[in-house]
PDB file of all heavy atoms in Angstrom:
ATOM      1  N   LYS A   1       0.843  -1.196  -0.015  1.00  0.00           N
ATOM      2  CA  LYS A   1      -0.016  -0.013  -0.007  1.00  0.00           C
ATOM      3  C   LYS A   1       0.884   1.274   0.014  1.00  0.00           C
ATOM      4  O   LYS A   1       0.660   2.195   0.775  1.00  0.00           O
ATOM      5  CB  LYS A   1      -0.942   0.026   1.221  1.00  0.00           C
ATOM      6  CG  LYS A   1      -1.914  -1.157   1.140  1.00  0.00           C
ATOM      7  CD  LYS A   1      -2.962  -1.152   2.316  1.00  0.00           C
ATOM      8  CE  LYS A   1      -2.350  -1.474   3.604  1.00  0.00           C
ATOM      9  NZ  LYS A   1      -3.360  -1.503   4.679  1.00  0.00           N
ATOM     10  N   THR A   2       1.911   1.274  -0.872  1.00  0.00           N
ATOM     11  CA  THR A   2       2.900   2.314  -0.826  1.00  0.00           C
ATOM     12  C   THR A   2       3.115   2.827  -2.251  1.00  0.00           C
ATOM     13  O   THR A   2       3.226   2.020  -3.196  1.00  0.00           O
ATOM     14  CB  THR A   2       4.203   1.841  -0.211  1.00  0.00           C
ATOM     15  OG1 THR A   2       3.992   1.421   1.177  1.00  0.00           O
ATOM     16  CG2 THR A   2       5.268   2.954  -0.216  1.00  0.00           C
ATOM     17  N   VAL A   3       3.226   4.070  -2.346  1.00  0.00           N
ATOM     18  CA  VAL A   3       3.556   4.741  -3.584  1.00  0.00           C
ATOM     19  C   VAL A   3       4.946   5.445  -3.451  1.00  0.00           C
ATOM     20  O   VAL A   3       5.182   6.022  -2.404  1.00  0.00           O
ATOM     21  CB  VAL A   3       2.519   5.814  -3.993  1.00  0.00           C
ATOM     22  CG1 VAL A   3       2.927   6.592  -5.268  1.00  0.00           C
ATOM     23  CG2 VAL A   3       1.157   5.150  -4.264  1.00  0.00           C
ATOM     24  N   PHE A   4       5.761   5.350  -4.441  1.00  0.00           N
ATOM     25  CA  PHE A   4       7.084   5.871  -4.393  1.00  0.00           C
ATOM     26  C   PHE A   4       7.320   6.997  -5.433  1.00  0.00           C
ATOM     27  O   PHE A   4       6.677   7.035  -6.455  1.00  0.00           O
ATOM     28  CB  PHE A   4       8.121   4.745  -4.678  1.00  0.00           C
ATOM     29  CG  PHE A   4       8.008   3.574  -3.801  1.00  0.00           C
ATOM     30  CD1 PHE A   4       7.284   2.458  -4.202  1.00  0.00           C
ATOM     31  CD2 PHE A   4       8.594   3.562  -2.537  1.00  0.00           C
ATOM     32  CE1 PHE A   4       7.185   1.341  -3.352  1.00  0.00           C
ATOM     33  CE2 PHE A   4       8.428   2.502  -1.680  1.00  0.00           C
ATOM     34  CZ  PHE A   4       7.791   1.335  -2.086  1.00  0.00           C
ATOM     35  N   LEU A   5       8.226   7.873  -5.148  1.00  0.00           N
ATOM     36  CA  LEU A   5       8.763   8.852  -6.088  1.00  0.00           C
ATOM     37  C   LEU A   5      10.254   8.784  -6.105  1.00  0.00           C
ATOM     38  O   LEU A   5      10.931   9.220  -5.108  1.00  0.00           O
ATOM     39  CB  LEU A   5       8.262  10.253  -5.766  1.00  0.00           C
ATOM     40  CG  LEU A   5       8.667  11.316  -6.844  1.00  0.00           C
ATOM     41  CD1 LEU A   5       7.897  11.035  -8.151  1.00  0.00           C
ATOM     42  CD2 LEU A   5       8.336  12.680  -6.230  1.00  0.00           C
ATOM     43  N   GLN A   6      10.817   8.189  -7.186  1.00  0.00           N
ATOM     44  CA  GLN A   6      12.291   8.173  -7.390  1.00  0.00           C
ATOM     45  C   GLN A   6      12.664   9.542  -8.048  1.00  0.00           C
ATOM     46  O   GLN A   6      12.186   9.723  -9.155  1.00  0.00           O
ATOM     47  CB  GLN A   6      12.676   6.957  -8.215  1.00  0.00           C
ATOM     48  CG  GLN A   6      14.196   6.885  -8.508  1.00  0.00           C
ATOM     49  CD  GLN A   6      14.968   6.670  -7.252  1.00  0.00           C
ATOM     50  OE1 GLN A   6      14.624   5.865  -6.411  1.00  0.00           O
ATOM     51  NE2 GLN A   6      16.098   7.424  -7.087  1.00  0.00           N
ATOM     52  N   MET A   7      13.525  10.228  -7.416  1.00  0.00           N
ATOM     53  CA  MET A   7      13.917  11.530  -7.937  1.00  0.00           C
ATOM     54  C   MET A   7      15.466  11.506  -8.244  1.00  0.00           C
ATOM     55  O   MET A   7      16.234  11.265  -7.327  1.00  0.00           O
ATOM     56  CB  MET A   7      13.626  12.615  -6.985  1.00  0.00           C
ATOM     57  CG  MET A   7      12.219  12.628  -6.513  1.00  0.00           C
ATOM     58  SD  MET A   7      11.792  14.056  -5.435  1.00  0.00           S
ATOM     59  CE  MET A   7      12.726  13.633  -3.947  1.00  0.00           C
ATOM     60  N   ASN A   8      15.829  11.591  -9.477  1.00  0.00           N
ATOM     61  CA  ASN A   8      17.186  11.610  -9.880  1.00  0.00           C
ATOM     62  C   ASN A   8      17.565  12.988 -10.527  1.00  0.00           C
ATOM     63  O   ASN A   8      16.655  13.740 -10.859  1.00  0.00           O
ATOM     64  CB  ASN A   8      17.422  10.544 -10.973  1.00  0.00           C
ATOM     65  CG  ASN A   8      17.175   9.095 -10.457  1.00  0.00           C
ATOM     66  OD1 ASN A   8      17.326   8.909  -9.264  1.00  0.00           O
ATOM     67  ND2 ASN A   8      16.698   8.288 -11.262  1.00  0.00           N
ATOM     68  N   SER A   9      18.873  13.185 -10.658  1.00  0.00           N
ATOM     69  CA  SER A   9      19.402  14.413 -11.218  1.00  0.00           C
ATOM     70  C   SER A   9      18.726  15.665 -10.602  1.00  0.00           C
ATOM     71  O   SER A   9      18.240  16.551 -11.293  1.00  0.00           O
ATOM     72  CB  SER A   9      19.147  14.498 -12.768  1.00  0.00           C
ATOM     73  OG  SER A   9      19.775  13.323 -13.318  1.00  0.00           O
ATOM     74  N   LEU A  10      18.642  15.681  -9.279  1.00  0.00           N
ATOM     75  CA  LEU A  10      17.959  16.746  -8.588  1.00  0.00           C
ATOM     76  C   LEU A  10      18.600  18.124  -8.734  1.00  0.00           C
ATOM     77  O   LEU A  10      19.874  18.184  -8.906  1.00  0.00           O
ATOM     78  CB  LEU A  10      17.876  16.439  -7.085  1.00  0.00           C
ATOM     79  CG  LEU A  10      16.800  15.333  -6.793  1.00  0.00           C
ATOM     80  CD1 LEU A  10      17.090  14.731  -5.427  1.00  0.00           C
ATOM     81  CD2 LEU A  10      15.432  15.948  -6.759  1.00  0.00           C
ATOM     82  N   LYS A  11      17.740  19.132  -8.808  1.00  0.00           N
ATOM     83  CA  LYS A  11      18.233  20.459  -9.031  1.00  0.00           C
ATOM     84  C   LYS A  11      17.768  21.371  -7.829  1.00  0.00           C
ATOM     85  O   LYS A  11      16.846  20.924  -7.155  1.00  0.00           O
ATOM     86  CB  LYS A  11      17.569  21.023 -10.318  1.00  0.00           C
ATOM     87  CG  LYS A  11      17.852  20.212 -11.573  1.00  0.00           C
ATOM     88  CD  LYS A  11      17.074  20.788 -12.762  1.00  0.00           C
ATOM     89  CE  LYS A  11      17.233  20.002 -13.971  1.00  0.00           C
ATOM     90  NZ  LYS A  11      16.490  20.539 -15.135  1.00  0.00           N
ATOM     91  N   ALA A  12      18.387  22.484  -7.704  1.00  0.00           N
ATOM     92  CA  ALA A  12      18.087  23.405  -6.640  1.00  0.00           C
ATOM     93  C   ALA A  12      16.608  23.748  -6.639  1.00  0.00           C
ATOM     94  O   ALA A  12      15.927  23.930  -5.624  1.00  0.00           O
ATOM     95  CB  ALA A  12      18.974  24.682  -6.678  1.00  0.00           C
ATOM     96  N   GLU A  13      16.084  23.893  -7.872  1.00  0.00           N
ATOM     97  CA  GLU A  13      14.633  24.313  -7.998  1.00  0.00           C
ATOM     98  C   GLU A  13      13.707  23.108  -7.618  1.00  0.00           C
ATOM     99  O   GLU A  13      12.505  23.391  -7.588  1.00  0.00           O
ATOM    100  CB  GLU A  13      14.356  24.747  -9.427  1.00  0.00           C
ATOM    101  CG  GLU A  13      14.848  23.856 -10.507  1.00  0.00           C
ATOM    102  CD  GLU A  13      16.235  24.282 -11.045  1.00  0.00           C
ATOM    103  OE1 GLU A  13      17.110  24.583 -10.236  1.00  0.00           O
ATOM    104  OE2 GLU A  13      16.322  24.227 -12.346  1.00  0.00           O
ATOM    105  N   ASP A  14      14.158  21.983  -7.360  1.00  0.00           N
ATOM    106  CA  ASP A  14      13.336  20.908  -6.814  1.00  0.00           C
ATOM    107  C   ASP A  14      13.099  21.013  -5.282  1.00  0.00           C
ATOM    108  O   ASP A  14      12.340  20.203  -4.722  1.00  0.00           O
ATOM    109  CB  ASP A  14      13.976  19.539  -7.128  1.00  0.00           C
ATOM    110  CG  ASP A  14      13.998  19.280  -8.584  1.00  0.00           C
ATOM    111  OD1 ASP A  14      13.037  19.507  -9.336  1.00  0.00           O
ATOM    112  OD2 ASP A  14      15.045  18.763  -9.051  1.00  0.00           O
ATOM    113  N   THR A  15      13.725  21.906  -4.661  1.00  0.00           N
ATOM    114  CA  THR A  15      13.675  22.087  -3.243  1.00  0.00           C
ATOM    115  C   THR A  15      12.237  22.558  -2.875  1.00  0.00           C
ATOM    116  O   THR A  15      11.734  23.510  -3.511  1.00  0.00           O
ATOM    117  CB  THR A  15      14.610  23.233  -2.740  1.00  0.00           C
ATOM    118  OG1 THR A  15      15.923  22.778  -2.946  1.00  0.00           O
ATOM    119  CG2 THR A  15      14.368  23.557  -1.268  1.00  0.00           C
ATOM    120  N   ALA A  16      11.546  21.832  -2.059  1.00  0.00           N
ATOM    121  CA  ALA A  16      10.185  22.050  -1.642  1.00  0.00           C
ATOM    122  C   ALA A  16       9.755  21.050  -0.570  1.00  0.00           C
ATOM    123  O   ALA A  16      10.521  20.149  -0.331  1.00  0.00           O
ATOM    124  CB  ALA A  16       9.306  21.963  -2.855  1.00  0.00           C
ATOM    125  N   VAL A  17       8.584  21.261  -0.080  1.00  0.00           N
ATOM    126  CA  VAL A  17       7.945  20.210   0.710  1.00  0.00           C
ATOM    127  C   VAL A  17       7.081  19.371  -0.226  1.00  0.00           C
ATOM    128  O   VAL A  17       6.284  19.901  -1.059  1.00  0.00           O
ATOM    129  CB  VAL A  17       7.009  20.877   1.850  1.00  0.00           C
ATOM    130  CG1 VAL A  17       6.345  19.730   2.553  1.00  0.00           C
ATOM    131  CG2 VAL A  17       7.767  21.757   2.725  1.00  0.00           C
ATOM    132  N   TYR A  18       7.317  18.104  -0.109  1.00  0.00           N
ATOM    133  CA  TYR A  18       6.618  17.153  -1.036  1.00  0.00           C
ATOM    134  C   TYR A  18       5.466  16.470  -0.250  1.00  0.00           C
ATOM    135  O   TYR A  18       5.732  15.948   0.814  1.00  0.00           O
ATOM    136  CB  TYR A  18       7.584  16.109  -1.577  1.00  0.00           C
ATOM    137  CG  TYR A  18       8.462  16.771  -2.643  1.00  0.00           C
ATOM    138  CD1 TYR A  18       9.470  17.646  -2.336  1.00  0.00           C
ATOM    139  CD2 TYR A  18       8.313  16.326  -4.034  1.00  0.00           C
ATOM    140  CE1 TYR A  18      10.270  18.148  -3.379  1.00  0.00           C
ATOM    141  CE2 TYR A  18       9.121  16.786  -5.001  1.00  0.00           C
ATOM    142  CZ  TYR A  18      10.105  17.783  -4.651  1.00  0.00           C
ATOM    143  OH  TYR A  18      10.873  18.283  -5.637  1.00  0.00           O
ATOM    144  N   TYR A  19       4.292  16.494  -0.846  1.00  0.00           N
ATOM    145  CA  TYR A  19       3.082  15.975  -0.259  1.00  0.00           C
ATOM    146  C   TYR A  19       2.601  14.793  -1.068  1.00  0.00           C
ATOM    147  O   TYR A  19       2.468  14.898  -2.298  1.00  0.00           O
ATOM    148  CB  TYR A  19       1.991  17.057  -0.180  1.00  0.00           C
ATOM    149  CG  TYR A  19       2.292  18.194   0.715  1.00  0.00           C
ATOM    150  CD1 TYR A  19       2.946  19.335   0.152  1.00  0.00           C
ATOM    151  CD2 TYR A  19       2.020  18.219   2.107  1.00  0.00           C
ATOM    152  CE1 TYR A  19       3.250  20.448   0.954  1.00  0.00           C
ATOM    153  CE2 TYR A  19       2.287  19.218   2.904  1.00  0.00           C
ATOM    154  CZ  TYR A  19       2.887  20.372   2.366  1.00  0.00           C
ATOM    155  OH  TYR A  19       3.204  21.402   3.166  1.00  0.00           O
ATOM    156  N   CYS A  20       2.191  13.760  -0.339  1.00  0.00           N
ATOM    157  CA  CYS A  20       1.519  12.629  -0.928  1.00  0.00           C
ATOM    158  C   CYS A  20       0.005  12.981  -1.041  1.00  0.00           C
ATOM    159  O   CYS A  20      -0.599  13.563  -0.097  1.00  0.00           O
ATOM    160  CB  CYS A  20       1.691  11.388  -0.152  1.00  0.00           C
ATOM    161  SG  CYS A  20       0.902   9.888  -0.819  1.00  0.00           S
ATOM    162  N   ASN A  21      -0.629  12.551  -2.114  1.00  0.00           N
ATOM    163  CA  ASN A  21      -2.046  12.850  -2.302  1.00  0.00           C
ATOM    164  C   ASN A  21      -2.743  11.571  -2.781  1.00  0.00           C
ATOM    165  O   ASN A  21      -2.179  10.856  -3.548  1.00  0.00           O
ATOM    166  CB  ASN A  21      -2.238  13.926  -3.316  1.00  0.00           C
ATOM    167  CG  ASN A  21      -3.737  14.104  -3.650  1.00  0.00           C
ATOM    168  OD1 ASN A  21      -4.228  13.499  -4.629  1.00  0.00           O
ATOM    169  ND2 ASN A  21      -4.371  15.050  -2.972  1.00  0.00           N
ATOM    170  N   ALA A  22      -3.956  11.374  -2.231  1.00  0.00           N
ATOM    171  CA  ALA A  22      -4.768  10.242  -2.697  1.00  0.00           C
ATOM    172  C   ALA A  22      -6.163  10.879  -2.931  1.00  0.00           C
ATOM    173  O   ALA A  22      -6.704  11.555  -2.112  1.00  0.00           O
ATOM    174  CB  ALA A  22      -4.856   9.171  -1.642  1.00  0.00           C
ATOM    175  N   ALA A  23      -6.755  10.501  -4.115  1.00  0.00           N
ATOM    176  CA  ALA A  23      -7.945  11.136  -4.626  1.00  0.00           C
ATOM    177  C   ALA A  23      -9.046  10.103  -4.838  1.00  0.00           C
ATOM    178  O   ALA A  23      -8.791   9.096  -5.508  1.00  0.00           O
ATOM    179  CB  ALA A  23      -7.751  11.980  -5.783  1.00  0.00           C
ATOM    180  N   ARG A  24     -10.240  10.392  -4.344  1.00  0.00           N
ATOM    181  CA  ARG A  24     -11.406   9.717  -4.723  1.00  0.00           C
ATOM    182  C   ARG A  24     -12.314  10.739  -5.467  1.00  0.00           C
ATOM    183  O   ARG A  24     -12.026  11.899  -5.486  1.00  0.00           O
ATOM    184  CB  ARG A  24     -12.075   9.096  -3.513  1.00  0.00           C
ATOM    185  CG  ARG A  24     -11.279   7.951  -2.915  1.00  0.00           C
ATOM    186  CD  ARG A  24     -11.977   7.367  -1.702  1.00  0.00           C
ATOM    187  NE  ARG A  24     -11.214   6.196  -1.281  1.00  0.00           N
ATOM    188  CZ  ARG A  24     -11.188   5.844  -0.014  1.00  0.00           C
ATOM    189  NH1 ARG A  24     -11.665   6.500   0.949  1.00  0.00           N
ATOM    190  NH2 ARG A  24     -10.491   4.713   0.351  1.00  0.00           N
ATOM    191  N   VAL A  25     -13.415  10.269  -5.929  1.00  0.00           N
ATOM    192  CA  VAL A  25     -14.283  11.128  -6.721  1.00  0.00           C
ATOM    193  C   VAL A  25     -14.675  12.342  -5.864  1.00  0.00           C
ATOM    194  O   VAL A  25     -14.695  13.554  -6.402  1.00  0.00           O
ATOM    195  CB  VAL A  25     -15.552  10.420  -7.192  1.00  0.00           C
ATOM    196  CG1 VAL A  25     -16.588  11.374  -7.862  1.00  0.00           C
ATOM    197  CG2 VAL A  25     -15.155   9.315  -8.181  1.00  0.00           C
ATOM    198  N   SER A  26     -14.942  12.139  -4.681  1.00  0.00           N
ATOM    199  CA  SER A  26     -15.529  13.268  -3.794  1.00  0.00           C
ATOM    200  C   SER A  26     -14.520  13.861  -2.793  1.00  0.00           C
ATOM    201  O   SER A  26     -14.865  14.780  -2.108  1.00  0.00           O
ATOM    202  CB  SER A  26     -16.771  12.692  -3.032  1.00  0.00           C
ATOM    203  OG  SER A  26     -16.319  11.641  -2.210  1.00  0.00           O
ATOM    204  N   ARG A  27     -13.298  13.375  -2.778  1.00  0.00           N
ATOM    205  CA  ARG A  27     -12.430  13.889  -1.739  1.00  0.00           C
ATOM    206  C   ARG A  27     -11.004  13.592  -2.033  1.00  0.00           C
ATOM    207  O   ARG A  27     -10.632  12.639  -2.682  1.00  0.00           O
ATOM    208  CB  ARG A  27     -12.802  13.174  -0.459  1.00  0.00           C
ATOM    209  CG  ARG A  27     -12.048  13.778   0.765  1.00  0.00           C
ATOM    210  CD  ARG A  27     -12.613  13.367   2.126  1.00  0.00           C
ATOM    211  NE  ARG A  27     -11.840  13.899   3.279  1.00  0.00           N
ATOM    212  CZ  ARG A  27     -12.140  13.709   4.515  1.00  0.00           C
ATOM    213  NH1 ARG A  27     -13.183  13.003   4.817  1.00  0.00           N
ATOM    214  NH2 ARG A  27     -11.386  14.237   5.376  1.00  0.00           N
ATOM    215  N   HIS A  28     -10.110  14.508  -1.566  1.00  0.00           N
ATOM    216  CA  HIS A  28      -8.708  14.386  -1.635  1.00  0.00           C
ATOM    217  C   HIS A  28      -8.101  14.188  -0.187  1.00  0.00           C
ATOM    218  O   HIS A  28      -8.581  14.872   0.759  1.00  0.00           O
ATOM    219  CB  HIS A  28      -8.026  15.657  -2.238  1.00  0.00           C
ATOM    220  CG  HIS A  28      -8.120  15.687  -3.737  1.00  0.00           C
ATOM    221  ND1 HIS A  28      -7.082  15.525  -4.584  1.00  0.00           N
ATOM    222  CD2 HIS A  28      -9.236  15.955  -4.467  1.00  0.00           C
ATOM    223  CE1 HIS A  28      -7.508  15.591  -5.817  1.00  0.00           C
ATOM    224  NE2 HIS A  28      -8.756  15.917  -5.855  1.00  0.00           N
ATOM    225  N   TYR A  29      -7.109  13.383  -0.047  1.00  0.00           N
ATOM    226  CA  TYR A  29      -6.448  13.208   1.187  1.00  0.00           C
ATOM    227  C   TYR A  29      -4.930  13.578   1.018  1.00  0.00           C
ATOM    228  O   TYR A  29      -4.354  13.380  -0.071  1.00  0.00           O
ATOM    229  CB  TYR A  29      -6.542  11.744   1.645  1.00  0.00           C
ATOM    230  CG  TYR A  29      -7.961  11.273   1.822  1.00  0.00           C
ATOM    231  CD1 TYR A  29      -8.581  10.594   0.686  1.00  0.00           C
ATOM    232  CD2 TYR A  29      -8.617  11.391   2.921  1.00  0.00           C
ATOM    233  CE1 TYR A  29      -9.878  10.121   0.786  1.00  0.00           C
ATOM    234  CE2 TYR A  29      -9.974  10.862   3.070  1.00  0.00           C
ATOM    235  CZ  TYR A  29     -10.566  10.275   1.993  1.00  0.00           C
ATOM    236  OH  TYR A  29     -11.878   9.834   2.054  1.00  0.00           O
ATOM    237  N   TRP A  30      -4.374  14.161   2.143  1.00  0.00           N
ATOM    238  CA  TRP A  30      -3.006  14.616   2.030  1.00  0.00           C
ATOM    239  C   TRP A  30      -2.235  14.059   3.139  1.00  0.00           C
ATOM    240  O   TRP A  30      -2.717  13.910   4.279  1.00  0.00           O
ATOM    241  CB  TRP A  30      -2.929  16.157   2.096  1.00  0.00           C
ATOM    242  CG  TRP A  30      -3.651  16.819   0.902  1.00  0.00           C
ATOM    243  CD1 TRP A  30      -4.952  17.197   0.782  1.00  0.00           C
ATOM    244  CD2 TRP A  30      -3.013  17.181  -0.306  1.00  0.00           C
ATOM    245  NE1 TRP A  30      -5.120  17.770  -0.327  1.00  0.00           N
ATOM    246  CE2 TRP A  30      -4.022  17.770  -1.132  1.00  0.00           C
ATOM    247  CE3 TRP A  30      -1.725  16.957  -0.837  1.00  0.00           C
ATOM    248  CZ2 TRP A  30      -3.684  18.231  -2.406  1.00  0.00           C
ATOM    249  CZ3 TRP A  30      -1.465  17.383  -2.134  1.00  0.00           C
ATOM    250  CH2 TRP A  30      -2.415  18.018  -2.877  1.00  0.00           C
ATOM    251  N   GLY A  31      -0.948  13.823   2.909  1.00  0.00           N
ATOM    252  CA  GLY A  31       0.012  13.458   3.952  1.00  0.00           C
ATOM    253  C   GLY A  31       0.513  14.819   4.591  1.00  0.00           C
ATOM    254  O   GLY A  31       0.123  15.851   4.215  1.00  0.00           O
ATOM    255  N   GLN A  32       1.372  14.598   5.579  1.00  0.00           N
ATOM    256  CA  GLN A  32       1.866  15.681   6.288  1.00  0.00           C
ATOM    257  C   GLN A  32       2.984  16.488   5.602  1.00  0.00           C
ATOM    258  O   GLN A  32       3.377  17.625   5.993  1.00  0.00           O
ATOM    259  CB  GLN A  32       2.368  15.250   7.688  1.00  0.00           C
ATOM    260  CG  GLN A  32       3.810  14.628   7.776  1.00  0.00           C
ATOM    261  CD  GLN A  32       3.850  13.253   7.230  1.00  0.00           C
ATOM    262  OE1 GLN A  32       2.853  12.576   6.777  1.00  0.00           O
ATOM    263  NE2 GLN A  32       5.045  12.706   7.221  1.00  0.00           N
ATOM    264  N   GLY A  33       3.614  15.811   4.650  1.00  0.00           N
ATOM    265  CA  GLY A  33       4.627  16.487   3.850  1.00  0.00           C
ATOM    266  C   GLY A  33       6.066  16.081   4.316  1.00  0.00           C
ATOM    267  O   GLY A  33       6.242  15.800   5.492  1.00  0.00           O
ATOM    268  N   THR A  34       6.977  16.048   3.373  1.00  0.00           N
ATOM    269  CA  THR A  34       8.338  15.797   3.712  1.00  0.00           C
ATOM    270  C   THR A  34       9.253  16.761   2.962  1.00  0.00           C
ATOM    271  O   THR A  34       9.063  17.001   1.745  1.00  0.00           O
ATOM    272  CB  THR A  34       8.703  14.300   3.412  1.00  0.00           C
ATOM    273  OG1 THR A  34      10.110  14.039   3.802  1.00  0.00           O
ATOM    274  CG2 THR A  34       8.613  13.951   1.914  1.00  0.00           C
ATOM    275  N   GLN A  35      10.201  17.330   3.691  1.00  0.00           N
ATOM    276  CA  GLN A  35      11.031  18.358   3.077  1.00  0.00           C
ATOM    277  C   GLN A  35      12.096  17.710   2.182  1.00  0.00           C
ATOM    278  O   GLN A  35      12.843  16.787   2.648  1.00  0.00           O
ATOM    279  CB  GLN A  35      11.683  19.208   4.183  1.00  0.00           C
ATOM    280  CG  GLN A  35      12.703  20.260   3.706  1.00  0.00           C
ATOM    281  CD  GLN A  35      11.967  21.429   3.013  1.00  0.00           C
ATOM    282  OE1 GLN A  35      10.931  21.935   3.427  1.00  0.00           O
ATOM    283  NE2 GLN A  35      12.496  21.868   1.859  1.00  0.00           N
ATOM    284  N   VAL A  36      12.326  18.305   1.075  1.00  0.00           N
ATOM    285  CA  VAL A  36      13.426  17.936   0.090  1.00  0.00           C
ATOM    286  C   VAL A  36      14.239  19.242  -0.127  1.00  0.00           C
ATOM    287  O   VAL A  36      13.662  20.207  -0.625  1.00  0.00           O
ATOM    288  CB  VAL A  36      12.920  17.309  -1.196  1.00  0.00           C
ATOM    289  CG1 VAL A  36      14.060  17.195  -2.150  1.00  0.00           C
ATOM    290  CG2 VAL A  36      12.328  15.975  -0.917  1.00  0.00           C
ATOM    291  N   THR A  37      15.500  19.194   0.248  1.00  0.00           N
ATOM    292  CA  THR A  37      16.397  20.330   0.013  1.00  0.00           C
ATOM    293  C   THR A  37      17.496  19.891  -0.853  1.00  0.00           C
ATOM    294  O   THR A  37      18.266  19.003  -0.523  1.00  0.00           O
ATOM    295  CB  THR A  37      16.841  20.878   1.348  1.00  0.00           C
ATOM    296  OG1 THR A  37      15.758  21.255   2.148  1.00  0.00           O
ATOM    297  CG2 THR A  37      17.795  22.149   1.158  1.00  0.00           C
TER     298      THR A  37
END
């Protein structure tokens, strides 16, 4: 029950808080976020 994001060749402009999202027809769910610098 896990989704991954493999990030290669990272750039300074990729710096952000990354949030996981899960969507159903009527609702979106969000994770707490993880910082990528």
